[in-house]
Amino acid sequence: MAGKFELYKDNGGQFRFRLKAANGQIILVSEAYVQKSSAENGIASVRVNAPLDERYERKEASNGKSMFNLRAANNQVIGTSEQYESISARENGIESVKKNAPDAPVYE
């Protein structure tokens, strides 16, 4: 099984998406969008930008854990990772997004 995008409406009625790896683990989540088409555009942007290493902003969260943001060409954050216990785990997460995002189907 390959990775997949899940497009859904959150409890506040806004649209979000998440990218899941083949094992079902969530590897990237979006911000909230008012319109479904905006969330779909976000998925398209993730697909385009995921393979580009320079689009990943590697960060340390306030609790000291590692994380990353995926940014579009205009520097807007289009996806955020979970928090990882180590830098190597974060790098594995980035590699998983690079591998899964470009061809992942969308499920609603």
C-alpha atoms as a PDB file:
ATOM      1  CA  MET A   1       0.000   0.000   0.000  1.00  0.00           C
ATOM      2  CA  ALA A   2       1.274   3.471  -0.888  1.00  0.00           C
ATOM      3  CA  GLY A   3       0.796   6.679   1.060  1.00  0.00           C
ATOM      4  CA  LYS A   4      -2.396   8.691   0.766  1.00  0.00           C
ATOM      5  CA  PHE A   5      -3.880  12.102   1.401  1.00  0.00           C
ATOM      6  CA  GLU A   6      -6.998  12.304   3.523  1.00  0.00           C
ATOM      7  CA  LEU A   7      -9.153  15.357   2.869  1.00  0.00           C
ATOM      8  CA  TYR A   8     -11.701  15.996   5.590  1.00  0.00           C
ATOM      9  CA  LYS A   9     -13.847  18.564   7.376  1.00  0.00           C
ATOM     10  CA  ASP A  10     -12.759  19.313  10.940  1.00  0.00           C
ATOM     11  CA  ASN A  11     -15.070  19.909  13.915  1.00  0.00           C
ATOM     12  CA  GLY A  12     -15.174  23.620  13.090  1.00  0.00           C
ATOM     13  CA  GLY A  13     -16.436  22.935   9.572  1.00  0.00           C
ATOM     14  CA  GLN A  14     -13.169  23.811   7.840  1.00  0.00           C
ATOM     15  CA  PHE A  15     -11.264  21.630   5.400  1.00  0.00           C
ATOM     16  CA  ARG A  16      -7.932  20.033   6.225  1.00  0.00           C
ATOM     17  CA  PHE A  17      -5.734  17.344   4.781  1.00  0.00           C
ATOM     18  CA  ARG A  18      -3.174  14.964   6.149  1.00  0.00           C
ATOM     19  CA  LEU A  19      -0.625  12.806   4.403  1.00  0.00           C
ATOM     20  CA  LYS A  20      -0.307   9.279   5.699  1.00  0.00           C
ATOM     21  CA  ALA A  21       2.539   6.871   4.992  1.00  0.00           C
ATOM     22  CA  ALA A  22       1.882   3.339   3.797  1.00  0.00           C
ATOM     23  CA  ASN A  23       1.857   2.147   7.427  1.00  0.00           C
ATOM     24  CA  GLY A  24      -0.967   4.595   8.262  1.00  0.00           C
ATOM     25  CA  GLN A  25       1.210   6.996  10.251  1.00  0.00           C
ATOM     26  CA  ILE A  26       0.396  10.675   9.742  1.00  0.00           C
ATOM     27  CA  ILE A  27       3.507  12.372   8.369  1.00  0.00           C
ATOM     28  CA  LEU A  28       2.192  15.822   7.402  1.00  0.00           C
ATOM     29  CA  VAL A  29      -0.864  17.906   8.320  1.00  0.00           C
ATOM     30  CA  SER A  30      -2.272  21.077   6.801  1.00  0.00           C
ATOM     31  CA  GLU A  31      -3.688  24.272   8.151  1.00  0.00           C
ATOM     32  CA  ALA A  32      -7.461  24.802   8.058  1.00  0.00           C
ATOM     33  CA  TYR A  33      -9.070  26.053   4.851  1.00  0.00           C
ATOM     34  CA  VAL A  34     -12.516  27.629   4.500  1.00  0.00           C
ATOM     35  CA  GLN A  35     -13.064  26.211   1.019  1.00  0.00           C
ATOM     36  CA  LYS A  36     -12.529  22.651  -0.146  1.00  0.00           C
ATOM     37  CA  SER A  37     -10.881  23.898  -3.347  1.00  0.00           C
ATOM     38  CA  SER A  38      -8.247  25.701  -1.263  1.00  0.00           C
ATOM     39  CA  ALA A  39      -7.408  22.467   0.557  1.00  0.00           C
ATOM     40  CA  GLU A  40      -7.192  20.683  -2.808  1.00  0.00           C
ATOM     41  CA  ASN A  41      -4.791  23.391  -3.999  1.00  0.00           C
ATOM     42  CA  GLY A  42      -2.758  22.769  -0.834  1.00  0.00           C
ATOM     43  CA  ILE A  43      -2.496  19.072  -1.696  1.00  0.00           C
ATOM     44  CA  ALA A  44      -1.338  19.983  -5.213  1.00  0.00           C
ATOM     45  CA  SER A  45       1.298  22.280  -3.729  1.00  0.00           C
ATOM     46  CA  VAL A  46       2.547  19.544  -1.394  1.00  0.00           C
ATOM     47  CA  ARG A  47       2.897  17.205  -4.374  1.00  0.00           C
ATOM     48  CA  VAL A  48       5.004  19.757  -6.275  1.00  0.00           C
ATOM     49  CA  ASN A  49       7.171  20.879  -3.363  1.00  0.00           C
ATOM     50  CA  ALA A  50       7.667  17.605  -1.464  1.00  0.00           C
ATOM     51  CA  PRO A  51      10.581  16.326  -3.594  1.00  0.00           C
ATOM     52  CA  LEU A  52      12.579  19.561  -3.089  1.00  0.00           C
ATOM     53  CA  ASP A  53      14.818  19.369  -0.025  1.00  0.00           C
ATOM     54  CA  GLU A  54      15.173  23.167   0.135  1.00  0.00           C
ATOM     55  CA  ARG A  55      11.429  23.462   0.829  1.00  0.00           C
ATOM     56  CA  TYR A  56      11.800  21.783   4.240  1.00  0.00           C
ATOM     57  CA  GLU A  57      12.261  24.029   7.248  1.00  0.00           C
ATOM     58  CA  ARG A  58      13.867  21.898   9.930  1.00  0.00           C
ATOM     59  CA  LYS A  59      12.964  23.175  13.378  1.00  0.00           C
ATOM     60  CA  GLU A  60      13.095  22.467  17.058  1.00  0.00           C
ATOM     61  CA  ALA A  61       9.797  22.792  18.930  1.00  0.00           C
ATOM     62  CA  SER A  62       9.615  24.676  22.230  1.00  0.00           C
ATOM     63  CA  ASN A  63       9.775  21.334  24.066  1.00  0.00           C
ATOM     64  CA  GLY A  64      13.082  20.463  22.372  1.00  0.00           C
ATOM     65  CA  LYS A  65      11.667  17.892  19.952  1.00  0.00           C
ATOM     66  CA  SER A  66      12.490  17.988  16.234  1.00  0.00           C
ATOM     67  CA  MET A  67       9.904  18.844  13.578  1.00  0.00           C
ATOM     68  CA  PHE A  68       9.621  20.356  10.115  1.00  0.00           C
ATOM     69  CA  ASN A  69       7.446  22.553   7.953  1.00  0.00           C
ATOM     70  CA  LEU A  70       7.061  22.090   4.224  1.00  0.00           C
ATOM     71  CA  ARG A  71       6.993  25.460   2.484  1.00  0.00           C
ATOM     72  CA  ALA A  72       5.818  26.476  -0.975  1.00  0.00           C
ATOM     73  CA  ALA A  73       7.904  28.585  -3.362  1.00  0.00           C
ATOM     74  CA  ASN A  74       6.275  31.712  -1.870  1.00  0.00           C
ATOM     75  CA  ASN A  75       7.523  30.577   1.582  1.00  0.00           C
ATOM     76  CA  GLN A  76       4.004  29.831   2.867  1.00  0.00           C
ATOM     77  CA  VAL A  77       3.772  26.793   5.149  1.00  0.00           C
ATOM     78  CA  ILE A  78       1.734  24.112   3.380  1.00  0.00           C
ATOM     79  CA  GLY A  79       2.270  21.281   5.839  1.00  0.00           C
ATOM     80  CA  THR A  80       3.633  20.588   9.309  1.00  0.00           C
ATOM     81  CA  SER A  81       5.066  17.391  10.718  1.00  0.00           C
ATOM     82  CA  GLU A  82       4.561  15.704  14.025  1.00  0.00           C
ATOM     83  CA  GLN A  83       7.210  16.165  16.702  1.00  0.00           C
ATOM     84  CA  TYR A  84      10.043  13.663  16.670  1.00  0.00           C
ATOM     85  CA  GLU A  85      12.299  12.445  19.463  1.00  0.00           C
ATOM     86  CA  SER A  86      15.464  12.815  17.373  1.00  0.00           C
ATOM     87  CA  ILE A  87      16.880  14.632  14.373  1.00  0.00           C
ATOM     88  CA  SER A  88      17.325  11.323  12.553  1.00  0.00           C
ATOM     89  CA  ALA A  89      13.645  10.485  13.076  1.00  0.00           C
ATOM     90  CA  ARG A  90      12.723  13.911  11.656  1.00  0.00           C
ATOM     91  CA  GLU A  91      14.926  13.260   8.608  1.00  0.00           C
ATOM     92  CA  ASN A  92      13.162   9.913   8.120  1.00  0.00           C
ATOM     93  CA  GLY A  93       9.848  11.802   8.240  1.00  0.00           C
ATOM     94  CA  ILE A  94      11.046  14.194   5.543  1.00  0.00           C
ATOM     95  CA  GLU A  95      12.163  11.291   3.358  1.00  0.00           C
ATOM     96  CA  SER A  96       8.750   9.693   3.834  1.00  0.00           C
ATOM     97  CA  VAL A  97       6.987  12.865   2.667  1.00  0.00           C
ATOM     98  CA  LYS A  98       9.323  13.071  -0.349  1.00  0.00           C
ATOM     99  CA  LYS A  99       8.529   9.449  -1.211  1.00  0.00           C
ATOM    100  CA  ASN A 100       4.783   9.407  -0.549  1.00  0.00           C
ATOM    101  CA  ALA A 101       3.412  12.843  -1.483  1.00  0.00           C
ATOM    102  CA  PRO A 102       3.998  13.132  -5.251  1.00  0.00           C
ATOM    103  CA  ASP A 103       1.774  10.202  -6.256  1.00  0.00           C
ATOM    104  CA  ALA A 104      -0.463   9.744  -3.219  1.00  0.00           C
ATOM    105  CA  PRO A 105      -4.166   9.460  -4.034  1.00  0.00           C
ATOM    106  CA  VAL A 106      -6.714  11.639  -2.231  1.00  0.00           C
ATOM    107  CA  TYR A 107      -9.448  10.070  -0.105  1.00  0.00           C
ATOM    108  CA  GLU A 108     -12.366  11.977   1.367  1.00  0.00           C
END
